[in-house]
Each structure stands twice: as structure tokens, then as C-alpha cells.
Amino acid sequence: MMPQFLSTRDAGFEEAFRVLLAQKREDSPDVDAAVAAIIADVRERGDAALVELTERFDRVRLTPETLRISDDEIERLCAQVPEAEREALGLAAERIRAYHARQMPRDESFTDSLGATLGWRWTPVSAAGLYVPGGLAAYPSSVLMNAVPAKVAGVKRLVVTVPTPDGVANPLVLLACRVAGVDEVFRIGGAQAIAALAYGTGAVRPVDKITGPGNAYVAAAKRRVFGKVGIDMIAGPSEILVIADRDNDPDWIALDLLSQAEHDESAQALLVTDDEGFGRAVAEAVGRRLETLPRRAIAGASWRDFGAVVTVRSLDEAAEIADRIAAEHLELLVGDPEALASRISHAGAMFLGPWTPEAIGDYIGGPNHVLPTARTARFSSGLSVMDFLKRTTVSRMTPAALAALGPHAETLAKAERLEAHGMSVRARLDRING
């Protein structure tokens, strides 16, 4: 089960590389019509729609009063979490909190040479909703990565929606909610959960911003409610790019590639190296690891269909390739990873050196693991406190500052034929000059 092998020395490389970049990996069935109907139903019937849809999709019969998971139930389930997992989750939350606290921007105010006072201030959104997948795809680490930055930013009310198929809740997910300071947890999922967060129902009060991963229905619902509320991003399948020289253990590289390939059959794992023999050794190591990997069917399909080993002439060329890929996760396993990193502009997250596997970033490193996929790192960033803040500009004119600036504002207003704009300035100028 081998991936595609490319070399920048080959005459057909450019065309083959363009095809690799253009591969459509997103699982996007035509769900928009179904999602639109679900959203309309929740908007019209509120809790009654949530109850019916939850019974239909999750096989759980609820009432408007039991849509929310009670504090007592959360406490009871959290008590089931083993001590080792409890300790790891607490350490992860502590590191994520400390990292994101350093991202908090400062308010600014200054007086310019005309005497005008200008600046800006940052304030959090009042309420945020976090979507958490349920069932087999239950990720407490994603709860921390979304909820902790929201609380660091100062969000007053943080709401989690998590489906509980067949009534089964994940204790570790609920403990993550408790550790992160989540205020309300609802046992609802799918497009109906997104609709409830955006528009509100009887039991669920609306929020200002929705973040968190989900399936195609959740993604389509987030697209539809954007504008009514803010959203973080529409994330696609996971991806990793490893740039490595021959002075590495091929088995380590193989495991790093598989750490993303095992997420999803549509995930993508790429290796760029300046040594063709090393690239083939890594591919062979991947093959050996796939023989025993529990998720080998998923990882194998990802590696076969979307994996690639690209041989380049130099690390300078590797940096150019990296910028064209704009990977979600980028590992730099070379002699001087900092120097190579300085030549790369487009990546969601960088992991420098052989002792920094991407998986550390998924759980315990501190930086956020919610990252741009599908080459969107060319123009967007991973989740941060900034996603839960907004900037308000502040201006204050003195009479002297208005006397200096007002006539020019009036001129521009007249040029745009917006008479009241100009008159609102002129009335003040006349008072100053009177």
C-alpha cells in the first residue's frame, strides 16, 4: 500500500504536484437542503423540534426540561473518570490556559499632534457555543482547545452541545467541560444543535459565536447561520506535512504521518525530503506499522489515496513546496528547524525538531489544535482568544482638532453628495468660529 512518489527533478513534477494540491478530500455530500429544513424546523418549533430530532437521530427520548445535562449528572459522570486521565486533562487545561493568556491583546489610547484622542479596546463576545461531536468521535481535547480560550478571553456564558447516542454520555468530555469552565451542557447534536445555538429555543438561549468541529451536516449548518452568529471556520479533513532530512529515524516519521492518516480516510499525510532513499525507507516503515495499527483500514486508505513522498533538491526548495501546500500541521525535522521555519510563511502550526511530534500539539503542548485545513493557512489562522474578542475603535475630538480636521471631512462629504454628513461637521465648525 504505497503512496505517490514525486520528485522536483522529474519533467512532469509541476503537473503532478498541481494535481496533488487539487485533490478534493472534503466529504461534502449534498446535505444543504436537509440542513435548511432542520434549521427552519428548529426556528419554528423550538424545543419540540429538538426533542423530535434527537429521538430520530440519537435514539434518545427527552423533554424540554432534560435537554440540558444537569449539574448533578455531570458530577456523577465526572466521578467515573480514572485518576490518570483526570490528571492528564488537568495538565492540558493548565498549559492551554497559560499559552492563550499570553495572546490577550492590550487596549490602546493615544493623543495625536492635533489633540485628537484615538485608540481601541477589546471586549469579549457575551456568549459562545461550542459544538462537540458525540459517540465514537468524542474528543475531550477539542473541548479544552475551544472552551479554554473562550474563558481566557472573558466570555461570560459558554454553552456546549454534545450528542449522546443511545443516551450514553462521555465522562471525559464532561470533565473537560467542567475543567474548562463551561456553563451549560446540552445533549443535542447535528444541524439542530447549531440552529438552537444560533436562534435560540425555549431551553437553549442563543449565543454570539459558534465554534467546534462536526460532520458535513454541522459544517453546512454553520455556513447557513453565519451572519446571524459568528463561526470559527469550516474545517476539512486533517493533514500533516513533514519535512525531514536523512538524519532521522524513518519509523518516527512513519508514525507521525500515520498520526494524521488514522483520523479519516480523507486525511492527508505528506513527506518532503532531500533524500530519495530516505523517503522510500519512510514509506516502507509506514507499510510495516500499518500491519498492526488498530485503525489500519482508515489510515491505509488515507495513505494510499492521498499520501505522497516528494523528493526535493534542497531545503530551500522544500520551503517553497511547504508554502504552496500551506499545511494544517507542519513538522520540520532538519538540522536547523528554526532557520527553515523562518523561510516558510504558510502553515497552521509548526513543530520544530525530532522531539516535537505533532501529537504533542493535539493534547498537551499549549498552542491550539483547531487549525486551518485545505490550504486555508494561506490566509487564516488557528483558533485563539482573538476568535472570542472584538475590537471597538474609540475617538475623541477637541474643538481645536475638529477645527483642523473638520473642513477636510466636509469636503469629502460633499464630494460623496452626503449633505447631512458635511452639515453635521459644519454646524460644529460654525460654533467654534462663531
Protein backbone atom coordinates (compact mmCIF):
# COMPACT_ATOMS: atom_id res chain seq x y z
CA MET A 1 0.00 0.00 0.00
CA MET A 2 2.24 2.76 -1.33
CA PRO A 3 1.66 6.50 -1.68
CA GLN A 4 2.51 8.65 -4.66
CA PHE A 5 6.22 9.40 -5.19
CA LEU A 6 7.17 12.73 -6.76
CA SER A 7 10.48 14.43 -7.43
CA THR A 8 11.15 18.03 -8.36
CA ARG A 9 13.80 16.69 -10.75
CA ASP A 10 11.18 14.95 -12.89
CA ALA A 11 9.93 16.72 -16.02
CA GLY A 12 6.31 16.10 -15.09
CA PHE A 13 6.63 17.23 -11.47
CA GLU A 14 4.76 20.53 -11.78
CA GLU A 15 1.67 18.99 -13.30
CA ALA A 16 1.68 16.06 -10.86
CA PHE A 17 2.11 18.43 -7.89
CA ARG A 18 -0.78 20.61 -9.07
CA VAL A 19 -2.99 17.51 -9.25
CA LEU A 20 -1.91 16.58 -5.71
CA LEU A 21 -2.85 20.02 -4.41
CA ALA A 22 -6.17 19.99 -6.26
CA GLN A 23 -7.36 16.65 -4.86
CA LYS A 24 -10.81 17.08 -3.36
CA ARG A 25 -10.71 15.37 0.03
CA GLU A 26 -13.65 17.08 1.73
CA ASP A 27 -16.55 14.78 2.46
CA SER A 28 -19.32 17.04 1.24
CA PRO A 29 -22.45 15.13 0.29
CA ASP A 30 -25.40 17.21 -0.80
CA VAL A 31 -26.82 17.85 2.64
CA ASP A 32 -27.72 21.51 2.35
CA ALA A 33 -31.41 21.00 1.63
CA ALA A 34 -31.82 18.68 4.62
CA VAL A 35 -29.91 21.12 6.84
CA ALA A 36 -32.04 24.05 5.69
CA ALA A 37 -35.20 22.10 6.62
CA ILE A 38 -33.81 21.21 10.07
CA ILE A 39 -32.86 24.82 10.79
CA ALA A 40 -36.30 26.06 9.70
CA ASP A 41 -37.97 23.45 11.90
CA VAL A 42 -35.96 24.44 14.99
CA ARG A 43 -36.63 28.12 14.37
CA GLU A 44 -40.35 27.47 14.09
CA ARG A 45 -40.96 24.86 16.79
CA GLY A 46 -38.03 25.33 19.17
CA ASP A 47 -37.67 22.70 21.88
CA ALA A 48 -40.32 20.42 20.35
CA ALA A 49 -38.19 20.13 17.21
CA LEU A 50 -35.06 19.45 19.27
CA VAL A 51 -36.83 16.67 21.16
CA GLU A 52 -38.13 15.00 17.98
CA LEU A 53 -34.85 15.31 16.06
CA THR A 54 -32.82 13.98 18.99
CA GLU A 55 -35.07 10.94 19.22
CA ARG A 56 -34.80 10.39 15.48
CA PHE A 57 -31.02 10.75 15.13
CA ASP A 58 -29.67 9.78 18.57
CA ARG A 59 -32.37 7.37 19.73
CA VAL A 60 -32.85 9.31 22.96
CA ARG A 61 -36.28 10.40 24.19
CA LEU A 62 -36.02 13.72 26.02
CA THR A 63 -38.25 16.53 27.20
CA PRO A 64 -37.52 20.27 27.04
CA GLU A 65 -36.50 20.00 30.71
CA THR A 66 -33.99 17.19 30.11
CA LEU A 67 -32.27 18.65 27.02
CA ARG A 68 -29.73 20.17 29.38
CA ILE A 69 -27.47 17.82 31.32
CA SER A 70 -27.91 18.68 34.98
CA ASP A 71 -25.02 19.64 37.24
CA ASP A 72 -25.70 16.56 39.37
CA GLU A 73 -25.48 14.25 36.35
CA ILE A 74 -22.25 15.90 35.23
CA GLU A 75 -20.77 15.45 38.70
CA ARG A 76 -21.79 11.79 38.78
CA LEU A 77 -20.27 11.06 35.37
CA CYS A 78 -17.10 13.03 36.05
CA ALA A 79 -16.51 10.86 39.11
CA GLN A 80 -16.13 7.87 36.76
CA VAL A 81 -13.00 9.28 35.09
CA PRO A 82 -9.82 7.39 36.10
CA GLU A 83 -7.21 9.37 38.01
CA ALA A 84 -4.57 9.19 35.25
CA GLU A 85 -6.97 10.69 32.69
CA ARG A 86 -8.12 13.30 35.20
CA GLU A 87 -4.51 14.35 35.84
CA ALA A 88 -3.62 14.49 32.13
CA LEU A 89 -6.70 16.57 31.36
CA GLY A 90 -5.92 18.99 34.17
CA LEU A 91 -2.34 19.46 32.99
CA ALA A 92 -3.50 20.00 29.42
CA ALA A 93 -6.02 22.64 30.53
CA GLU A 94 -3.37 24.41 32.60
CA ARG A 95 -0.92 24.57 29.68
CA ILE A 96 -3.58 25.64 27.17
CA ARG A 97 -4.78 28.35 29.57
CA ALA A 98 -1.25 29.69 30.17
CA TYR A 99 -0.46 29.79 26.44
CA HIS A 100 -3.66 31.57 25.47
CA ALA A 101 -3.42 34.09 28.30
CA ARG A 102 -0.29 35.44 26.59
CA GLN A 103 -2.33 36.08 23.43
CA MET A 104 -4.59 38.63 25.08
CA PRO A 105 -4.24 41.98 23.27
CA ARG A 106 -3.97 45.32 25.06
CA ASP A 107 -6.27 48.27 24.78
CA GLU A 108 -4.62 51.37 23.30
CA SER A 109 -5.19 55.12 23.59
CA PHE A 110 -3.04 57.98 22.34
CA THR A 111 -3.31 61.67 21.56
CA ASP A 112 -2.02 62.78 18.18
CA SER A 113 -0.36 66.06 17.23
CA LEU A 114 -3.71 67.81 16.63
CA GLY A 115 -5.01 66.92 20.08
CA ALA A 116 -7.38 64.16 18.92
CA THR A 117 -7.51 61.17 21.25
CA LEU A 118 -7.70 57.87 19.36
CA GLY A 119 -7.48 54.22 20.25
CA TRP A 120 -9.24 50.92 20.55
CA ARG A 121 -10.43 48.49 23.16
CA TRP A 122 -11.10 44.78 23.17
CA THR A 123 -14.20 43.15 24.62
CA PRO A 124 -15.34 39.50 24.58
CA VAL A 125 -18.45 38.16 22.94
CA SER A 126 -21.12 37.76 25.62
CA ALA A 127 -21.96 34.14 24.85
CA ALA A 128 -20.29 31.42 22.80
CA GLY A 129 -21.47 27.97 21.77
CA LEU A 130 -19.12 25.04 21.36
CA TYR A 131 -20.17 22.05 19.27
CA VAL A 132 -18.63 18.78 20.47
CA PRO A 133 -19.03 15.57 18.41
CA GLY A 134 -20.50 12.62 20.29
CA GLY A 135 -20.33 8.86 20.05
CA LEU A 136 -17.08 7.31 18.85
CA ALA A 137 -15.66 10.69 17.78
CA ALA A 138 -15.64 12.14 21.30
CA TYR A 139 -12.61 14.37 21.81
CA PRO A 140 -12.18 15.95 25.25
CA SER A 141 -9.04 17.64 23.93
CA SER A 142 -11.18 19.64 21.50
CA VAL A 143 -13.39 20.77 24.37
CA LEU A 144 -10.33 22.27 26.06
CA MET A 145 -9.00 23.81 22.86
CA ASN A 146 -12.28 25.63 22.25
CA ALA A 147 -13.54 26.36 25.74
CA VAL A 148 -10.34 27.45 27.48
CA PRO A 149 -9.53 30.29 25.03
CA ALA A 150 -13.15 31.47 25.26
CA LYS A 151 -12.94 31.71 29.03
CA VAL A 152 -9.48 33.34 28.90
CA ALA A 153 -10.98 35.94 26.54
CA GLY A 154 -13.65 36.68 29.14
CA VAL A 155 -16.73 35.05 27.60
CA LYS A 156 -19.37 35.15 30.33
CA ARG A 157 -21.61 32.31 29.12
CA LEU A 158 -20.16 29.28 27.37
CA VAL A 159 -22.58 26.62 26.12
CA VAL A 160 -21.65 23.14 24.91
CA THR A 161 -23.84 20.93 22.75
CA VAL A 162 -22.83 17.27 22.56
CA PRO A 163 -24.98 14.43 21.21
CA THR A 164 -25.37 11.34 23.41
CA PRO A 165 -26.28 8.49 21.03
CA ASP A 166 -28.44 5.91 22.78
CA GLY A 167 -28.26 8.09 25.87
CA VAL A 168 -24.57 7.44 26.50
CA ALA A 169 -22.54 10.49 27.57
CA ASN A 170 -18.74 10.53 27.58
CA PRO A 171 -17.48 11.19 31.13
CA LEU A 172 -14.13 12.58 29.96
CA VAL A 173 -15.84 15.09 27.68
CA LEU A 174 -17.99 16.26 30.58
CA LEU A 175 -14.94 16.52 32.84
CA ALA A 176 -13.26 18.63 30.16
CA CYS A 177 -16.32 20.90 30.21
CA ARG A 178 -16.05 21.18 33.99
CA VAL A 179 -12.29 21.84 33.96
CA ALA A 180 -12.62 24.49 31.23
CA GLY A 181 -15.42 26.37 33.00
CA VAL A 182 -18.29 25.58 30.63
CA ASP A 183 -21.57 26.96 31.99
CA GLU A 184 -24.24 24.86 30.25
CA VAL A 185 -24.15 21.46 28.51
CA PHE A 186 -26.96 20.21 26.25
CA ARG A 187 -27.32 16.64 24.94
CA ILE A 188 -28.15 17.64 21.37
CA GLY A 189 -26.16 17.37 18.16
CA GLY A 190 -26.23 17.81 14.42
CA ALA A 191 -27.63 20.74 12.47
CA GLN A 192 -30.38 21.08 15.08
CA ALA A 193 -27.80 21.94 17.76
CA ILE A 194 -26.26 24.62 15.55
CA ALA A 195 -29.73 26.06 14.86
CA ALA A 196 -30.54 26.11 18.58
CA LEU A 197 -27.29 27.92 19.39
CA ALA A 198 -27.83 30.47 16.62
CA TYR A 199 -31.53 31.24 17.03
CA GLY A 200 -32.38 30.00 20.50
CA THR A 201 -35.25 27.80 21.67
CA GLY A 202 -37.07 27.69 24.97
CA ALA A 203 -34.35 25.68 26.67
CA VAL A 204 -31.33 26.99 24.76
CA ARG A 205 -30.60 30.68 24.80
CA PRO A 206 -28.86 31.97 21.64
CA VAL A 207 -25.13 32.72 21.53
CA ASP A 208 -23.00 35.21 19.60
CA LYS A 209 -20.39 32.83 18.18
CA ILE A 210 -20.24 29.10 17.43
CA THR A 211 -17.01 27.09 17.30
CA GLY A 212 -16.09 23.43 17.21
CA PRO A 213 -15.79 20.55 14.73
CA GLY A 214 -18.57 18.41 13.30
CA ASN A 215 -19.71 16.30 10.36
CA ALA A 216 -20.98 17.51 6.99
CA TYR A 217 -24.38 18.43 8.47
CA VAL A 218 -22.79 20.50 11.20
CA ALA A 219 -20.50 22.23 8.70
CA ALA A 220 -23.42 23.03 6.39
CA ALA A 221 -25.42 24.39 9.34
CA LYS A 222 -22.54 26.61 10.41
CA ARG A 223 -22.35 28.01 6.89
CA ARG A 224 -26.09 28.76 6.94
CA VAL A 225 -26.18 30.53 10.31
CA PHE A 226 -23.04 32.60 9.67
CA GLY A 227 -24.04 36.24 9.74
CA LYS A 228 -26.66 35.65 12.40
CA VAL A 229 -23.77 34.50 14.58
CA GLY A 230 -20.02 34.30 14.08
CA ILE A 231 -18.33 30.96 13.39
CA ASP A 232 -14.71 29.85 13.74
CA MET A 233 -14.08 28.07 10.43
CA ILE A 234 -15.28 25.26 8.18
CA ALA A 235 -12.60 22.65 8.75
CA GLY A 236 -11.86 19.84 6.31
CA PRO A 237 -10.06 16.52 6.82
CA SER A 238 -6.85 16.58 8.85
CA GLU A 239 -3.45 16.89 7.20
CA ILE A 240 0.25 16.80 8.03
CA LEU A 241 3.35 17.77 6.10
CA VAL A 242 6.70 16.50 7.39
CA ILE A 243 9.93 17.98 6.02
CA ALA A 244 12.76 15.68 7.06
CA ASP A 245 16.40 15.05 6.13
CA ARG A 246 18.14 11.69 6.23
CA ASP A 247 19.33 12.20 9.83
CA ASN A 248 16.03 10.94 11.24
CA ASP A 249 14.51 7.65 12.27
CA PRO A 250 12.23 6.53 9.39
CA ASP A 251 9.93 4.79 11.90
CA TRP A 252 9.38 8.02 13.86
CA ILE A 253 8.45 9.81 10.65
CA ALA A 254 6.13 6.96 9.67
CA LEU A 255 4.30 7.22 12.99
CA ASP A 256 3.95 10.99 12.66
CA LEU A 257 2.41 10.56 9.20
CA LEU A 258 0.05 7.88 10.48
CA SER A 259 -0.99 10.04 13.43
CA GLN A 260 -2.99 12.12 10.98
CA ALA A 261 -3.83 9.41 8.45
CA GLU A 262 -5.67 7.45 11.16
CA HIS A 263 -8.13 10.32 11.67
CA ASP A 264 -10.05 9.86 8.45
CA GLU A 265 -9.82 8.09 5.09
CA SER A 266 -9.77 11.58 3.56
CA ALA A 267 -6.89 12.82 5.74
CA GLN A 268 -3.60 13.59 4.01
CA ALA A 269 -0.04 12.78 5.11
CA LEU A 270 2.85 14.18 3.06
CA LEU A 271 6.62 13.81 3.38
CA VAL A 272 9.09 16.18 1.74
CA THR A 273 12.75 15.14 1.87
CA ASP A 274 16.00 15.92 0.10
CA ASP A 275 16.98 12.23 0.11
CA GLU A 276 15.01 9.86 -2.12
CA GLY A 277 16.30 6.74 -0.37
CA PHE A 278 15.18 8.08 2.99
CA GLY A 279 11.73 8.83 1.55
CA ARG A 280 11.36 5.22 0.43
CA ALA A 281 12.57 3.99 3.81
CA VAL A 282 9.82 6.03 5.48
CA ALA A 283 7.20 4.64 3.09
CA GLU A 284 8.36 1.09 3.93
CA ALA A 285 8.15 1.91 7.65
CA VAL A 286 4.59 3.14 7.16
CA GLY A 287 3.75 -0.16 5.50
CA ARG A 288 5.16 -2.13 8.43
CA ARG A 289 3.28 -0.04 11.01
CA LEU A 290 0.03 -0.40 9.07
CA GLU A 291 0.16 -4.18 9.58
CA THR A 292 -0.56 -3.79 13.30
CA LEU A 293 -2.21 -0.37 13.62
CA PRO A 294 -5.75 -0.71 15.09
CA ARG A 295 -7.11 1.88 12.66
CA ARG A 296 -5.16 0.46 9.72
CA ALA A 297 -8.16 0.36 7.40
CA ILE A 298 -8.69 4.11 7.77
CA ALA A 299 -5.02 5.06 7.85
CA GLY A 300 -4.19 2.73 4.97
CA ALA A 301 -6.84 4.24 2.72
CA SER A 302 -5.66 7.76 3.55
CA TRP A 303 -2.01 6.88 2.85
CA ARG A 304 -2.85 5.05 -0.39
CA ASP A 305 -5.24 7.62 -1.83
CA PHE A 306 -3.84 10.94 -0.60
CA GLY A 307 -0.35 10.30 0.78
CA ALA A 308 2.78 11.38 -1.08
CA VAL A 309 6.56 11.43 -0.75
CA VAL A 310 8.14 14.41 -2.51
CA THR A 311 11.89 14.49 -3.12
CA VAL A 312 13.40 17.97 -3.48
CA ARG A 313 16.85 19.22 -4.46
CA SER A 314 17.34 21.33 -1.35
CA LEU A 315 15.68 22.59 1.81
CA ASP A 316 15.16 25.95 0.09
CA GLU A 317 13.01 24.10 -2.43
CA ALA A 318 11.28 22.31 0.46
CA ALA A 319 10.31 25.69 1.93
CA GLU A 320 8.77 26.74 -1.39
CA ILE A 321 6.83 23.47 -1.56
CA ALA A 322 5.63 23.95 2.03
CA ASP A 323 4.25 27.40 1.25
CA ARG A 324 2.33 26.04 -1.71
CA ILE A 325 0.82 23.24 0.41
CA ALA A 326 0.04 25.56 3.38
CA ALA A 327 -0.47 22.55 5.61
CA GLU A 328 -2.56 22.36 8.76
CA HIS A 329 0.34 20.71 10.63
CA LEU A 330 3.97 21.17 9.57
CA GLU A 331 6.82 19.23 11.16
CA LEU A 332 10.38 20.41 10.46
CA LEU A 333 12.80 17.60 11.24
CA VAL A 334 16.05 19.03 9.91
CA GLY A 335 19.38 20.14 11.37
CA ASP A 336 18.31 23.77 11.87
CA PRO A 337 14.49 23.79 12.05
CA GLU A 338 14.32 27.44 13.21
CA ALA A 339 16.18 28.61 10.09
CA LEU A 340 13.86 26.60 7.83
CA ALA A 341 10.79 27.85 9.71
CA SER A 342 11.86 31.44 9.06
CA ARG A 343 11.60 30.78 5.31
CA ILE A 344 8.04 29.40 5.47
CA SER A 345 5.02 31.71 5.67
CA HIS A 346 2.01 29.43 5.33
CA ALA A 347 1.21 26.75 7.92
CA GLY A 348 -1.41 26.31 10.60
CA ALA A 349 1.06 25.11 13.23
CA MET A 350 4.78 24.30 13.15
CA PHE A 351 6.53 21.59 15.15
CA LEU A 352 10.29 22.00 15.27
CA GLY A 353 12.83 19.23 15.72
CA PRO A 354 12.67 15.45 16.20
CA TRP A 355 11.40 15.66 19.79
CA THR A 356 8.22 17.55 18.88
CA PRO A 357 5.71 15.12 17.37
CA GLU A 358 2.52 16.76 16.14
CA ALA A 359 0.53 14.70 18.64
CA ILE A 360 2.01 16.76 21.49
CA GLY A 361 0.23 19.76 19.93
CA ASP A 362 -3.04 17.86 19.78
CA TYR A 363 -3.14 17.38 23.53
CA ILE A 364 -0.68 18.93 25.88
CA GLY A 365 1.72 21.42 24.23
CA GLY A 366 -0.37 24.55 24.80
CA PRO A 367 -0.97 26.06 21.33
CA ASN A 368 -4.40 25.44 19.84
CA HIS A 369 -5.08 22.35 17.74
CA VAL A 370 -8.07 23.90 15.91
CA LEU A 371 -6.27 24.83 12.71
CA PRO A 372 -6.97 25.85 9.10
CA THR A 373 -7.13 22.97 6.61
CA ALA A 374 -7.36 22.59 2.83
CA ARG A 375 -4.66 25.24 2.15
CA THR A 376 -6.60 27.94 4.01
CA ALA A 377 -3.50 28.58 6.15
CA ARG A 378 -2.54 30.87 3.24
CA PHE A 379 -4.98 33.43 4.67
CA SER A 380 -6.26 32.26 8.05
CA SER A 381 -5.06 31.23 11.49
CA GLY A 382 -5.82 28.64 14.12
CA LEU A 383 -8.30 29.26 16.92
CA SER A 384 -7.17 31.73 19.59
CA VAL A 385 -8.51 34.19 22.14
CA MET A 386 -8.95 36.59 19.20
CA ASP A 387 -11.84 34.44 17.97
CA PHE A 388 -13.79 35.37 21.09
CA LEU A 389 -12.89 39.07 21.14
CA LYS A 390 -13.90 42.05 19.05
CA ARG A 391 -12.23 45.42 18.71
CA THR A 392 -14.06 48.71 19.21
CA THR A 393 -12.35 51.87 18.00
CA VAL A 394 -12.50 55.00 20.18
CA SER A 395 -12.18 58.64 19.03
CA ARG A 396 -12.46 61.97 20.83
CA MET A 397 -12.03 65.35 19.10
CA THR A 398 -11.28 68.60 20.86
CA PRO A 399 -12.52 71.88 19.36
CA ALA A 400 -9.00 72.51 18.04
CA ALA A 401 -8.75 69.04 16.48
CA LEU A 402 -12.17 69.39 14.86
CA ALA A 403 -11.22 72.84 13.53
CA ALA A 404 -8.17 71.30 11.88
CA LEU A 405 -9.83 68.14 10.51
CA GLY A 406 -13.48 69.18 10.03
CA PRO A 407 -13.13 71.19 6.80
CA HIS A 408 -11.49 68.21 5.08
CA ALA A 409 -14.24 65.88 6.29
CA GLU A 410 -16.81 68.37 4.99
CA THR A 411 -15.08 68.47 1.60
CA LEU A 412 -15.13 64.69 1.28
CA ALA A 413 -18.77 64.50 2.39
CA LYS A 414 -19.78 66.99 -0.31
CA ALA A 415 -17.77 65.04 -2.89
CA GLU A 416 -19.79 61.96 -1.97
CA ARG A 417 -23.04 64.01 -2.04
CA LEU A 418 -23.84 63.11 1.56
CA GLU A 419 -25.04 66.52 2.67
CA ALA A 420 -26.04 65.67 6.25
CA HIS A 421 -22.57 64.26 6.86
CA GLY A 422 -20.99 67.55 5.89
CA MET A 423 -23.60 69.62 7.71
CA SER A 424 -23.04 67.72 11.00
CA VAL A 425 -19.41 68.84 10.86
CA ARG A 426 -20.16 72.37 9.61
CA ALA A 427 -22.60 73.07 12.46
CA ARG A 428 -19.81 72.46 14.95
CA LEU A 429 -17.26 74.44 12.97
CA ASP A 430 -19.62 77.40 12.89
CA ARG A 431 -19.95 77.24 16.69
CA ILE A 432 -16.14 77.12 17.03
CA ASN A 433 -15.69 80.03 14.63
CA GLY A 434 -18.67 82.00 15.95
